[in-house]
Amino acid sequence: MIKAVLFDGDGVAIITEMMFSEKYSKEFGVDHKKLEPIFQEEFQDCMRGKKDFKEIFPKYQKEWGWRKSIDGLLKYWHESEDYPNKDVLRIVRQLRENGIKCYLVSNQEKYRKDYIKSVMNFDNKFDDLFFSCDVGYLKKDKVFFEEVLKIIKSKEKIDKKEVMHWDDSEKEVNLAKEFGLDSYLYKNAEEMKSVLKDKKLL
């Protein structure tokens, strides 16, 4: 019996129409290739909690053509991706009312993590939030799920066989399945609701 559900952040609990780098490239007319290096390299360490975005960005700022403060960039970035998926969050609320624990699992560096928790108020919408910058691993690493389930099991006595997982990445869905979770590829809220009803969770 399923006792807990893990929801991915961007692409599931948060609507994402395009990557931030694509959006920035279009809005400011900067060649997308000039934006790629930071994401291919050091930003990965930011999402693992090993580096601070505010400390690494200055070396890339000229290529980005950003003339304002780093805090200004983060504000623009976070506000441009502030699109909670209301349909999914409605499902989360219903599940919690039915006694099912709901957790957010997301690859994020610490500044966007804080924005999602506080400004988007996800802290109050889920039973707990697990971010890669706190866990120390990205969701593409099986260790991420091992660490998250270790915490859940210690608090709620829930085994991984009792955990459902939703993600919009097929690779991460397959990884979660290999780990032993009841994992599903997210396409839309209606399909999610249908699966949950079949499982007698809604």
N, C-alpha and C. Protein backbone atom coordinates (compact mmCIF):
# COMPACT_ATOMS: atom_id res chain seq x y z
N MET A 1 0.85 -1.21 0.00
CA MET A 1 0.00 0.00 0.00
C MET A 1 0.88 1.25 0.00
N ILE A 2 0.52 2.21 -0.86
CA ILE A 2 1.28 3.45 -0.95
C ILE A 2 0.95 4.36 0.24
N LYS A 3 2.00 4.80 0.92
CA LYS A 3 1.83 5.68 2.07
C LYS A 3 2.43 7.07 1.85
N ALA A 4 3.24 7.21 0.79
CA ALA A 4 3.89 8.50 0.52
C ALA A 4 4.09 8.68 -0.98
N VAL A 5 4.08 9.94 -1.43
CA VAL A 5 4.29 10.25 -2.84
C VAL A 5 5.36 11.33 -2.96
N LEU A 6 6.34 11.09 -3.84
CA LEU A 6 7.38 12.07 -4.13
C LEU A 6 7.03 12.79 -5.42
N PHE A 7 7.07 14.12 -5.39
CA PHE A 7 6.76 14.93 -6.57
C PHE A 7 8.01 15.72 -7.00
N ASP A 8 8.36 15.61 -8.27
CA ASP A 8 9.44 16.43 -8.82
C ASP A 8 9.02 17.90 -8.77
N GLY A 9 10.01 18.80 -8.75
CA GLY A 9 9.71 20.23 -8.73
C GLY A 9 9.42 20.76 -10.13
N ASP A 10 10.46 21.23 -10.84
CA ASP A 10 10.29 21.79 -12.17
C ASP A 10 9.77 20.74 -13.15
N GLY A 11 8.64 21.05 -13.76
CA GLY A 11 8.05 20.13 -14.72
C GLY A 11 6.88 19.35 -14.16
N VAL A 12 6.74 19.34 -12.83
CA VAL A 12 5.62 18.64 -12.20
C VAL A 12 4.89 19.58 -11.25
N ALA A 13 5.48 19.87 -10.09
CA ALA A 13 4.84 20.78 -9.13
C ALA A 13 4.98 22.24 -9.55
N ILE A 14 5.95 22.50 -10.43
CA ILE A 14 6.17 23.84 -10.97
C ILE A 14 6.13 23.76 -12.48
N ILE A 15 5.34 24.60 -13.12
CA ILE A 15 5.22 24.59 -14.58
C ILE A 15 6.45 25.23 -15.20
N THR A 16 7.06 24.54 -16.15
CA THR A 16 8.22 25.08 -16.86
C THR A 16 7.98 24.98 -18.36
N GLU A 17 7.86 26.13 -19.00
CA GLU A 17 7.62 26.14 -20.44
C GLU A 17 8.93 26.08 -21.23
N MET A 18 10.00 26.67 -20.66
CA MET A 18 11.31 26.61 -21.29
C MET A 18 12.39 26.81 -20.22
N MET A 19 13.61 26.39 -20.53
CA MET A 19 14.71 26.55 -19.59
C MET A 19 15.00 28.03 -19.39
N PHE A 20 15.50 28.37 -18.19
CA PHE A 20 15.78 29.77 -17.89
C PHE A 20 16.79 30.35 -18.88
N SER A 21 17.80 29.58 -19.26
CA SER A 21 18.83 30.08 -20.17
C SER A 21 18.21 30.44 -21.53
N GLU A 22 17.24 29.66 -21.99
CA GLU A 22 16.56 29.96 -23.26
C GLU A 22 15.76 31.24 -23.14
N LYS A 23 15.06 31.38 -22.01
CA LYS A 23 14.25 32.56 -21.76
C LYS A 23 15.12 33.82 -21.72
N TYR A 24 16.23 33.71 -21.00
CA TYR A 24 17.17 34.83 -20.88
C TYR A 24 17.74 35.19 -22.25
N SER A 25 18.12 34.18 -23.02
CA SER A 25 18.69 34.40 -24.35
C SER A 25 17.73 35.17 -25.25
N LYS A 26 16.46 34.79 -25.22
CA LYS A 26 15.46 35.44 -26.05
C LYS A 26 15.17 36.87 -25.58
N GLU A 27 15.05 37.04 -24.27
CA GLU A 27 14.67 38.36 -23.74
C GLU A 27 15.78 39.40 -23.87
N PHE A 28 17.04 38.95 -23.68
CA PHE A 28 18.15 39.92 -23.69
C PHE A 28 19.02 39.83 -24.94
N GLY A 29 18.65 38.95 -25.86
CA GLY A 29 19.37 38.87 -27.12
C GLY A 29 20.81 38.39 -26.98
N VAL A 30 21.05 37.52 -26.02
CA VAL A 30 22.39 36.97 -25.80
C VAL A 30 22.46 35.58 -26.41
N ASP A 31 23.53 35.32 -27.15
CA ASP A 31 23.72 34.01 -27.77
C ASP A 31 23.66 32.92 -26.69
N HIS A 32 22.80 31.94 -26.90
CA HIS A 32 22.60 30.88 -25.91
C HIS A 32 23.90 30.16 -25.58
N LYS A 33 24.80 30.06 -26.55
CA LYS A 33 26.08 29.36 -26.33
C LYS A 33 26.93 30.06 -25.27
N LYS A 34 26.74 31.37 -25.12
CA LYS A 34 27.50 32.12 -24.12
C LYS A 34 26.99 31.84 -22.70
N LEU A 35 25.76 31.34 -22.60
CA LEU A 35 25.17 31.07 -21.30
C LEU A 35 25.44 29.65 -20.82
N GLU A 36 25.78 28.77 -21.74
CA GLU A 36 25.91 27.35 -21.42
C GLU A 36 27.01 26.96 -20.45
N PRO A 37 28.23 27.55 -20.55
CA PRO A 37 29.34 27.07 -19.72
C PRO A 37 29.05 26.96 -18.23
N ILE A 38 28.40 27.95 -17.64
CA ILE A 38 28.14 27.91 -16.19
C ILE A 38 27.23 26.74 -15.83
N PHE A 39 26.26 26.43 -16.69
CA PHE A 39 25.32 25.34 -16.40
C PHE A 39 25.96 23.97 -16.61
N GLN A 40 26.90 23.90 -17.55
CA GLN A 40 27.56 22.63 -17.84
C GLN A 40 28.61 22.30 -16.79
N GLU A 41 29.06 23.32 -16.08
CA GLU A 41 30.17 23.10 -15.15
C GLU A 41 29.78 23.42 -13.70
N GLU A 42 30.08 24.64 -13.27
CA GLU A 42 29.99 24.96 -11.85
C GLU A 42 28.58 24.97 -11.26
N PHE A 43 27.58 25.23 -12.09
CA PHE A 43 26.22 25.26 -11.56
C PHE A 43 25.80 23.89 -11.04
N GLN A 44 26.37 22.84 -11.63
CA GLN A 44 26.09 21.49 -11.16
C GLN A 44 26.54 21.33 -9.71
N ASP A 45 27.68 21.96 -9.39
CA ASP A 45 28.17 21.92 -8.01
C ASP A 45 27.31 22.77 -7.08
N CYS A 46 26.73 23.84 -7.62
CA CYS A 46 25.81 24.66 -6.81
C CYS A 46 24.59 23.82 -6.43
N MET A 47 24.11 23.03 -7.37
CA MET A 47 22.93 22.20 -7.11
C MET A 47 23.25 21.04 -6.16
N ARG A 48 24.55 20.73 -6.06
CA ARG A 48 24.95 19.69 -5.09
C ARG A 48 25.31 20.31 -3.74
N GLY A 49 25.20 21.64 -3.65
CA GLY A 49 25.50 22.33 -2.40
C GLY A 49 26.98 22.51 -2.15
N LYS A 50 27.81 22.35 -3.18
CA LYS A 50 29.26 22.45 -3.02
C LYS A 50 29.81 23.82 -3.38
N LYS A 51 29.04 24.60 -4.14
CA LYS A 51 29.47 25.95 -4.52
C LYS A 51 28.30 26.91 -4.37
N ASP A 52 28.63 28.20 -4.27
CA ASP A 52 27.65 29.27 -4.08
C ASP A 52 27.51 30.05 -5.39
N PHE A 53 26.29 30.15 -5.91
CA PHE A 53 26.08 30.82 -7.19
C PHE A 53 26.58 32.27 -7.17
N LYS A 54 26.38 32.96 -6.07
CA LYS A 54 26.81 34.36 -5.99
C LYS A 54 28.33 34.51 -6.09
N GLU A 55 29.04 33.46 -5.70
CA GLU A 55 30.49 33.51 -5.75
C GLU A 55 31.05 33.13 -7.12
N ILE A 56 30.33 32.28 -7.85
CA ILE A 56 30.86 31.85 -9.14
C ILE A 56 30.38 32.71 -10.31
N PHE A 57 29.23 33.39 -10.17
CA PHE A 57 28.66 34.10 -11.31
C PHE A 57 29.51 35.26 -11.84
N PRO A 58 30.22 36.02 -10.99
CA PRO A 58 30.99 37.16 -11.52
C PRO A 58 31.89 36.83 -12.71
N LYS A 59 32.48 35.65 -12.75
CA LYS A 59 33.38 35.31 -13.85
C LYS A 59 32.63 35.08 -15.17
N TYR A 60 31.30 34.90 -15.07
CA TYR A 60 30.48 34.67 -16.26
C TYR A 60 29.64 35.91 -16.62
N GLN A 61 29.63 36.88 -15.75
CA GLN A 61 28.71 38.02 -15.88
C GLN A 61 28.90 38.79 -17.18
N LYS A 62 30.15 38.98 -17.60
CA LYS A 62 30.42 39.73 -18.84
C LYS A 62 29.83 39.02 -20.05
N GLU A 63 30.04 37.71 -20.11
CA GLU A 63 29.51 36.93 -21.23
C GLU A 63 27.98 36.98 -21.26
N TRP A 64 27.39 37.03 -20.10
CA TRP A 64 25.93 37.10 -20.00
C TRP A 64 25.40 38.49 -20.36
N GLY A 65 26.26 39.49 -20.28
CA GLY A 65 25.82 40.86 -20.56
C GLY A 65 24.92 41.41 -19.47
N TRP A 66 25.08 40.88 -18.25
CA TRP A 66 24.25 41.33 -17.12
C TRP A 66 24.96 42.47 -16.41
N ARG A 67 24.33 43.65 -16.37
CA ARG A 67 24.98 44.83 -15.82
C ARG A 67 24.47 45.21 -14.43
N LYS A 68 23.48 44.48 -13.94
CA LYS A 68 22.94 44.80 -12.61
C LYS A 68 23.56 43.86 -11.58
N SER A 69 23.04 43.89 -10.35
CA SER A 69 23.59 43.08 -9.28
C SER A 69 23.23 41.60 -9.45
N ILE A 70 23.99 40.74 -8.77
CA ILE A 70 23.69 39.30 -8.80
C ILE A 70 22.34 39.05 -8.12
N ASP A 71 22.06 39.79 -7.05
CA ASP A 71 20.75 39.65 -6.40
C ASP A 71 19.63 40.01 -7.37
N GLY A 72 19.91 41.01 -8.22
CA GLY A 72 18.92 41.41 -9.22
C GLY A 72 18.67 40.31 -10.24
N LEU A 73 19.74 39.62 -10.61
CA LEU A 73 19.61 38.50 -11.55
C LEU A 73 18.81 37.38 -10.92
N LEU A 74 19.11 37.05 -9.67
CA LEU A 74 18.39 35.97 -8.98
C LEU A 74 16.90 36.32 -8.83
N LYS A 75 16.61 37.58 -8.55
CA LYS A 75 15.22 38.02 -8.42
C LYS A 75 14.49 37.83 -9.76
N TYR A 76 15.12 38.28 -10.83
CA TYR A 76 14.54 38.13 -12.16
C TYR A 76 14.34 36.66 -12.49
N TRP A 77 15.35 35.86 -12.21
CA TRP A 77 15.32 34.41 -12.49
C TRP A 77 14.18 33.73 -11.74
N HIS A 78 14.13 33.95 -10.44
CA HIS A 78 13.14 33.24 -9.61
C HIS A 78 11.72 33.67 -9.93
N GLU A 79 11.53 34.96 -10.15
CA GLU A 79 10.19 35.45 -10.47
C GLU A 79 9.73 34.95 -11.85
N SER A 80 10.68 34.78 -12.77
CA SER A 80 10.33 34.32 -14.11
C SER A 80 9.93 32.84 -14.13
N GLU A 81 10.23 32.12 -13.03
CA GLU A 81 9.87 30.71 -12.95
C GLU A 81 8.88 30.43 -11.82
N ASP A 82 8.20 31.46 -11.39
CA ASP A 82 7.23 31.33 -10.30
C ASP A 82 5.86 30.96 -10.86
N TYR A 83 5.75 29.70 -11.29
CA TYR A 83 4.50 29.21 -11.86
C TYR A 83 4.12 27.88 -11.21
N PRO A 84 3.59 27.93 -10.00
CA PRO A 84 3.17 26.68 -9.35
C PRO A 84 2.10 25.98 -10.16
N ASN A 85 2.20 24.67 -10.24
CA ASN A 85 1.20 23.89 -10.97
C ASN A 85 0.01 23.67 -10.04
N LYS A 86 -0.98 24.51 -10.17
CA LYS A 86 -2.12 24.50 -9.26
C LYS A 86 -2.88 23.17 -9.30
N ASP A 87 -2.94 22.55 -10.47
CA ASP A 87 -3.65 21.27 -10.58
C ASP A 87 -2.94 20.19 -9.78
N VAL A 88 -1.62 20.15 -9.86
CA VAL A 88 -0.85 19.17 -9.10
C VAL A 88 -0.91 19.48 -7.61
N LEU A 89 -0.80 20.74 -7.26
CA LEU A 89 -0.85 21.12 -5.84
C LEU A 89 -2.22 20.82 -5.23
N ARG A 90 -3.25 20.87 -6.05
CA ARG A 90 -4.59 20.50 -5.59
C ARG A 90 -4.64 19.00 -5.27
N ILE A 91 -3.98 18.22 -6.10
CA ILE A 91 -3.88 16.77 -5.87
C ILE A 91 -3.09 16.50 -4.59
N VAL A 92 -2.00 17.25 -4.40
CA VAL A 92 -1.18 17.10 -3.19
C VAL A 92 -2.03 17.37 -1.95
N ARG A 93 -2.83 18.41 -2.00
CA ARG A 93 -3.68 18.75 -0.86
C ARG A 93 -4.68 17.63 -0.56
N GLN A 94 -5.27 17.07 -1.62
CA GLN A 94 -6.24 15.98 -1.44
C GLN A 94 -5.57 14.73 -0.85
N LEU A 95 -4.38 14.42 -1.33
CA LEU A 95 -3.65 13.27 -0.82
C LEU A 95 -3.33 13.43 0.66
N ARG A 96 -2.88 14.61 1.02
CA ARG A 96 -2.54 14.87 2.43
C ARG A 96 -3.78 14.78 3.32
N GLU A 97 -4.91 15.24 2.78
CA GLU A 97 -6.16 15.14 3.54
C GLU A 97 -6.56 13.68 3.73
N ASN A 98 -6.10 12.81 2.80
CA ASN A 98 -6.40 11.39 2.88
C ASN A 98 -5.34 10.62 3.67
N GLY A 99 -4.41 11.35 4.28
CA GLY A 99 -3.41 10.71 5.12
C GLY A 99 -2.16 10.24 4.41
N ILE A 100 -2.01 10.62 3.14
CA ILE A 100 -0.82 10.24 2.37
C ILE A 100 0.24 11.34 2.52
N LYS A 101 1.45 10.96 2.88
CA LYS A 101 2.54 11.92 3.01
C LYS A 101 3.00 12.35 1.61
N CYS A 102 3.22 13.65 1.43
CA CYS A 102 3.64 14.18 0.13
C CYS A 102 4.94 14.97 0.28
N TYR A 103 5.89 14.66 -0.58
CA TYR A 103 7.21 15.28 -0.49
C TYR A 103 7.63 15.84 -1.85
N LEU A 104 8.31 16.98 -1.82
CA LEU A 104 8.89 17.55 -3.02
C LEU A 104 10.34 17.08 -3.12
N VAL A 105 10.76 16.61 -4.29
CA VAL A 105 12.16 16.24 -4.53
C VAL A 105 12.62 17.02 -5.75
N SER A 106 13.66 17.85 -5.59
CA SER A 106 13.99 18.77 -6.67
C SER A 106 15.48 19.11 -6.72
N ASN A 107 16.01 19.21 -7.95
CA ASN A 107 17.38 19.69 -8.15
C ASN A 107 17.38 21.21 -8.09
N GLN A 108 17.98 21.78 -7.05
CA GLN A 108 18.01 23.23 -6.90
C GLN A 108 19.28 23.67 -6.16
N GLU A 109 19.75 24.88 -6.51
CA GLU A 109 20.80 25.49 -5.68
C GLU A 109 20.10 26.26 -4.55
N LYS A 110 20.86 26.70 -3.58
CA LYS A 110 20.25 27.17 -2.33
C LYS A 110 19.38 28.41 -2.44
N TYR A 111 19.65 29.31 -3.40
CA TYR A 111 18.87 30.54 -3.47
C TYR A 111 17.47 30.29 -4.04
N ARG A 112 17.40 29.45 -5.05
CA ARG A 112 16.07 29.13 -5.57
C ARG A 112 15.33 28.22 -4.60
N LYS A 113 16.07 27.39 -3.91
CA LYS A 113 15.45 26.56 -2.86
C LYS A 113 14.72 27.45 -1.86
N ASP A 114 15.40 28.49 -1.40
CA ASP A 114 14.80 29.40 -0.43
C ASP A 114 13.56 30.09 -1.00
N TYR A 115 13.63 30.45 -2.29
CA TYR A 115 12.49 31.11 -2.94
C TYR A 115 11.30 30.17 -3.01
N ILE A 116 11.55 28.93 -3.42
CA ILE A 116 10.47 27.94 -3.53
C ILE A 116 9.83 27.67 -2.17
N LYS A 117 10.66 27.57 -1.15
CA LYS A 117 10.15 27.30 0.19
C LYS A 117 9.32 28.46 0.73
N SER A 118 9.90 29.65 0.67
CA SER A 118 9.29 30.80 1.35
C SER A 118 8.33 31.61 0.49
N VAL A 119 8.81 32.08 -0.66
CA VAL A 119 7.98 32.96 -1.50
C VAL A 119 6.86 32.17 -2.19
N MET A 120 7.19 31.00 -2.72
CA MET A 120 6.16 30.18 -3.36
C MET A 120 5.37 29.38 -2.32
N ASN A 121 5.82 29.44 -1.09
CA ASN A 121 5.11 28.84 0.06
C ASN A 121 5.00 27.31 -0.02
N PHE A 122 5.94 26.67 -0.68
CA PHE A 122 5.91 25.21 -0.78
C PHE A 122 6.17 24.55 0.57
N ASP A 123 6.79 25.29 1.47
CA ASP A 123 7.05 24.78 2.81
C ASP A 123 5.76 24.33 3.48
N ASN A 124 4.65 25.00 3.15
CA ASN A 124 3.37 24.69 3.77
C ASN A 124 2.47 23.80 2.89
N LYS A 125 2.95 23.47 1.70
CA LYS A 125 2.14 22.68 0.78
C LYS A 125 2.52 21.20 0.78
N PHE A 126 3.71 20.90 1.33
CA PHE A 126 4.20 19.52 1.37
C PHE A 126 4.57 19.14 2.80
N ASP A 127 4.66 17.84 3.05
CA ASP A 127 5.07 17.38 4.38
C ASP A 127 6.55 17.63 4.61
N ASP A 128 7.34 17.62 3.52
CA ASP A 128 8.75 17.95 3.62
C ASP A 128 9.27 18.21 2.22
N LEU A 129 10.39 18.93 2.14
CA LEU A 129 11.00 19.29 0.86
C LEU A 129 12.44 18.77 0.84
N PHE A 130 12.79 18.06 -0.22
CA PHE A 130 14.15 17.53 -0.35
C PHE A 130 14.81 18.13 -1.59
N PHE A 131 15.83 18.95 -1.35
CA PHE A 131 16.54 19.62 -2.44
C PHE A 131 17.94 19.05 -2.59
N SER A 132 18.39 18.96 -3.83
CA SER A 132 19.71 18.39 -4.10
C SER A 132 20.83 19.12 -3.36
N CYS A 133 20.69 20.45 -3.21
CA CYS A 133 21.75 21.22 -2.54
C CYS A 133 21.86 20.85 -1.06
N ASP A 134 20.80 20.31 -0.49
CA ASP A 134 20.84 19.85 0.91
C ASP A 134 21.24 18.37 1.00
N VAL A 135 20.73 17.58 0.06
CA VAL A 135 21.01 16.14 0.07
C VAL A 135 22.46 15.87 -0.33
N GLY A 136 23.02 16.74 -1.21
CA GLY A 136 24.40 16.58 -1.65
C GLY A 136 24.55 15.80 -2.95
N TYR A 137 23.42 15.39 -3.52
CA TYR A 137 23.42 14.63 -4.77
C TYR A 137 22.28 15.11 -5.65
N LEU A 138 22.44 14.95 -6.98
CA LEU A 138 21.37 15.26 -7.91
C LEU A 138 20.45 14.06 -8.05
N LYS A 139 19.24 14.30 -8.55
CA LYS A 139 18.27 13.21 -8.67
C LYS A 139 18.70 12.15 -9.68
N LYS A 140 19.65 12.47 -10.53
CA LYS A 140 20.15 11.47 -11.48
C LYS A 140 21.08 10.47 -10.80
N ASP A 141 21.44 10.75 -9.54
CA ASP A 141 22.26 9.85 -8.75
C ASP A 141 21.34 9.01 -7.85
N LYS A 142 21.48 7.70 -7.91
CA LYS A 142 20.63 6.83 -7.10
C LYS A 142 20.78 7.12 -5.61
N VAL A 143 21.95 7.64 -5.23
CA VAL A 143 22.21 7.97 -3.83
C VAL A 143 21.23 9.03 -3.33
N PHE A 144 20.76 9.89 -4.23
CA PHE A 144 19.78 10.91 -3.84
C PHE A 144 18.56 10.24 -3.21
N PHE A 145 18.01 9.25 -3.89
CA PHE A 145 16.82 8.57 -3.39
C PHE A 145 17.13 7.77 -2.12
N GLU A 146 18.32 7.22 -2.06
CA GLU A 146 18.72 6.47 -0.86
C GLU A 146 18.70 7.38 0.36
N GLU A 147 19.26 8.59 0.20
CA GLU A 147 19.31 9.54 1.31
C GLU A 147 17.92 10.03 1.70
N VAL A 148 17.11 10.35 0.70
CA VAL A 148 15.75 10.84 0.97
C VAL A 148 14.92 9.78 1.68
N LEU A 149 14.97 8.56 1.17
CA LEU A 149 14.18 7.49 1.79
C LEU A 149 14.67 7.14 3.19
N LYS A 150 15.96 7.32 3.41
CA LYS A 150 16.51 7.08 4.74
C LYS A 150 15.89 8.04 5.76
N ILE A 151 15.74 9.30 5.35
CA ILE A 151 15.14 10.32 6.23
C ILE A 151 13.66 10.03 6.44
N ILE A 152 12.95 9.73 5.36
CA ILE A 152 11.51 9.45 5.45
C ILE A 152 11.25 8.24 6.35
N LYS A 153 12.05 7.20 6.14
CA LYS A 153 11.87 5.98 6.92
C LYS A 153 12.12 6.21 8.40
N SER A 154 13.10 7.07 8.72
CA SER A 154 13.42 7.33 10.13
C SER A 154 12.31 8.11 10.83
N LYS A 155 11.58 8.92 10.05
CA LYS A 155 10.52 9.75 10.64
C LYS A 155 9.14 9.10 10.59
N GLU A 156 8.86 8.43 9.48
CA GLU A 156 7.50 7.92 9.26
C GLU A 156 7.40 6.41 9.20
N LYS A 157 8.53 5.70 9.29
CA LYS A 157 8.52 4.23 9.22
C LYS A 157 7.92 3.76 7.89
N ILE A 158 8.23 4.49 6.82
CA ILE A 158 7.71 4.15 5.49
C ILE A 158 8.83 3.50 4.67
N ASP A 159 8.57 2.33 4.11
CA ASP A 159 9.55 1.62 3.30
C ASP A 159 9.44 2.08 1.84
N LYS A 160 10.51 1.92 1.07
CA LYS A 160 10.49 2.40 -0.32
C LYS A 160 9.43 1.71 -1.18
N LYS A 161 9.03 0.50 -0.80
CA LYS A 161 7.98 -0.20 -1.53
C LYS A 161 6.62 0.47 -1.34
N GLU A 162 6.54 1.36 -0.37
CA GLU A 162 5.29 2.06 -0.08
C GLU A 162 5.31 3.50 -0.59
N VAL A 163 6.28 3.79 -1.47
CA VAL A 163 6.47 5.16 -1.97
C VAL A 163 6.24 5.24 -3.48
N MET A 164 5.38 6.18 -3.89
CA MET A 164 5.15 6.48 -5.30
C MET A 164 6.00 7.69 -5.68
N HIS A 165 6.39 7.77 -6.95
CA HIS A 165 7.24 8.86 -7.42
C HIS A 165 6.77 9.35 -8.78
N TRP A 166 6.75 10.69 -8.95
CA TRP A 166 6.35 11.31 -10.23
C TRP A 166 7.44 12.26 -10.70
N ASP A 167 7.82 12.13 -11.99
CA ASP A 167 8.85 13.01 -12.56
C ASP A 167 8.56 13.18 -14.04
N ASP A 168 8.99 14.30 -14.62
CA ASP A 168 8.78 14.52 -16.05
C ASP A 168 9.98 14.04 -16.88
N SER A 169 11.00 13.50 -16.19
CA SER A 169 12.18 12.97 -16.87
C SER A 169 12.11 11.45 -16.90
N GLU A 170 12.11 10.88 -18.10
CA GLU A 170 12.02 9.43 -18.23
C GLU A 170 13.23 8.74 -17.60
N LYS A 171 14.40 9.37 -17.73
CA LYS A 171 15.61 8.79 -17.14
C LYS A 171 15.49 8.68 -15.63
N GLU A 172 14.96 9.74 -15.01
CA GLU A 172 14.85 9.72 -13.55
C GLU A 172 13.73 8.80 -13.07
N VAL A 173 12.71 8.65 -13.89
CA VAL A 173 11.64 7.69 -13.58
C VAL A 173 12.22 6.28 -13.59
N ASN A 174 13.02 5.97 -14.60
CA ASN A 174 13.63 4.64 -14.70
C ASN A 174 14.60 4.40 -13.55
N LEU A 175 15.35 5.43 -13.17
CA LEU A 175 16.29 5.31 -12.06
C LEU A 175 15.54 5.02 -10.77
N ALA A 176 14.42 5.73 -10.57
CA ALA A 176 13.61 5.53 -9.36
C ALA A 176 13.02 4.12 -9.33
N LYS A 177 12.64 3.62 -10.51
CA LYS A 177 12.10 2.25 -10.59
C LYS A 177 13.18 1.24 -10.22
N GLU A 178 14.41 1.48 -10.71
CA GLU A 178 15.53 0.59 -10.40
C GLU A 178 15.79 0.58 -8.89
N PHE A 179 15.57 1.73 -8.28
CA PHE A 179 15.78 1.85 -6.83
C PHE A 179 14.69 1.12 -6.05
N GLY A 180 13.53 0.94 -6.68
CA GLY A 180 12.45 0.22 -6.03
C GLY A 180 11.20 1.02 -5.75
N LEU A 181 11.13 2.23 -6.34
CA LEU A 181 9.94 3.07 -6.13
C LEU A 181 8.89 2.77 -7.20
N ASP A 182 7.63 3.03 -6.88
CA ASP A 182 6.52 2.92 -7.82
C ASP A 182 6.50 4.23 -8.60
N SER A 183 7.28 4.30 -9.68
CA SER A 183 7.55 5.57 -10.35
C SER A 183 6.78 5.73 -11.66
N TYR A 184 6.34 6.98 -11.93
CA TYR A 184 5.55 7.28 -13.12
C TYR A 184 6.05 8.53 -13.82
N LEU A 185 5.95 8.52 -15.15
CA LEU A 185 6.31 9.68 -15.96
C LEU A 185 5.14 10.66 -15.97
N TYR A 186 5.39 11.89 -15.52
CA TYR A 186 4.31 12.89 -15.48
C TYR A 186 4.09 13.49 -16.87
N LYS A 187 2.83 13.49 -17.30
CA LYS A 187 2.44 14.12 -18.56
C LYS A 187 1.45 15.25 -18.32
N ASN A 188 0.46 14.98 -17.46
CA ASN A 188 -0.51 16.00 -17.10
C ASN A 188 -1.21 15.59 -15.81
N ALA A 189 -1.88 16.54 -15.20
CA ALA A 189 -2.52 16.31 -13.91
C ALA A 189 -3.66 15.31 -13.99
N GLU A 190 -4.39 15.30 -15.11
CA GLU A 190 -5.52 14.39 -15.24
C GLU A 190 -5.07 12.94 -15.24
N GLU A 191 -3.98 12.67 -15.95
CA GLU A 191 -3.45 11.31 -15.98
C GLU A 191 -2.93 10.92 -14.60
N MET A 192 -2.30 11.86 -13.93
CA MET A 192 -1.82 11.61 -12.57
C MET A 192 -2.99 11.26 -11.65
N LYS A 193 -4.05 12.03 -11.76
CA LYS A 193 -5.23 11.81 -10.92
C LYS A 193 -5.84 10.43 -11.20
N SER A 194 -5.84 10.04 -12.47
CA SER A 194 -6.39 8.74 -12.85
C SER A 194 -5.60 7.59 -12.22
N VAL A 195 -4.27 7.70 -12.24
CA VAL A 195 -3.42 6.66 -11.64
C VAL A 195 -3.66 6.60 -10.14
N LEU A 196 -3.74 7.77 -9.51
CA LEU A 196 -3.95 7.82 -8.06
C LEU A 196 -5.30 7.25 -7.66
N LYS A 197 -6.31 7.46 -8.50
CA LYS A 197 -7.63 6.90 -8.22
C LYS A 197 -7.61 5.39 -8.37
N ASP A 198 -6.89 4.89 -9.37
CA ASP A 198 -6.76 3.45 -9.56
C ASP A 198 -6.08 2.79 -8.36
N LYS A 199 -5.16 3.55 -7.75
CA LYS A 199 -4.43 3.05 -6.59
C LYS A 199 -5.21 3.27 -5.29
N LYS A 200 -6.44 3.81 -5.42
CA LYS A 200 -7.31 4.08 -4.27
C LYS A 200 -6.69 5.11 -3.29
N LEU A 201 -5.93 6.04 -3.88
CA LEU A 201 -5.32 7.09 -3.05
C LEU A 201 -6.14 8.36 -3.04
N LEU A 202 -7.00 8.51 -4.03
CA LEU A 202 -7.89 9.68 -4.11
C LEU A 202 -9.35 9.20 -4.09
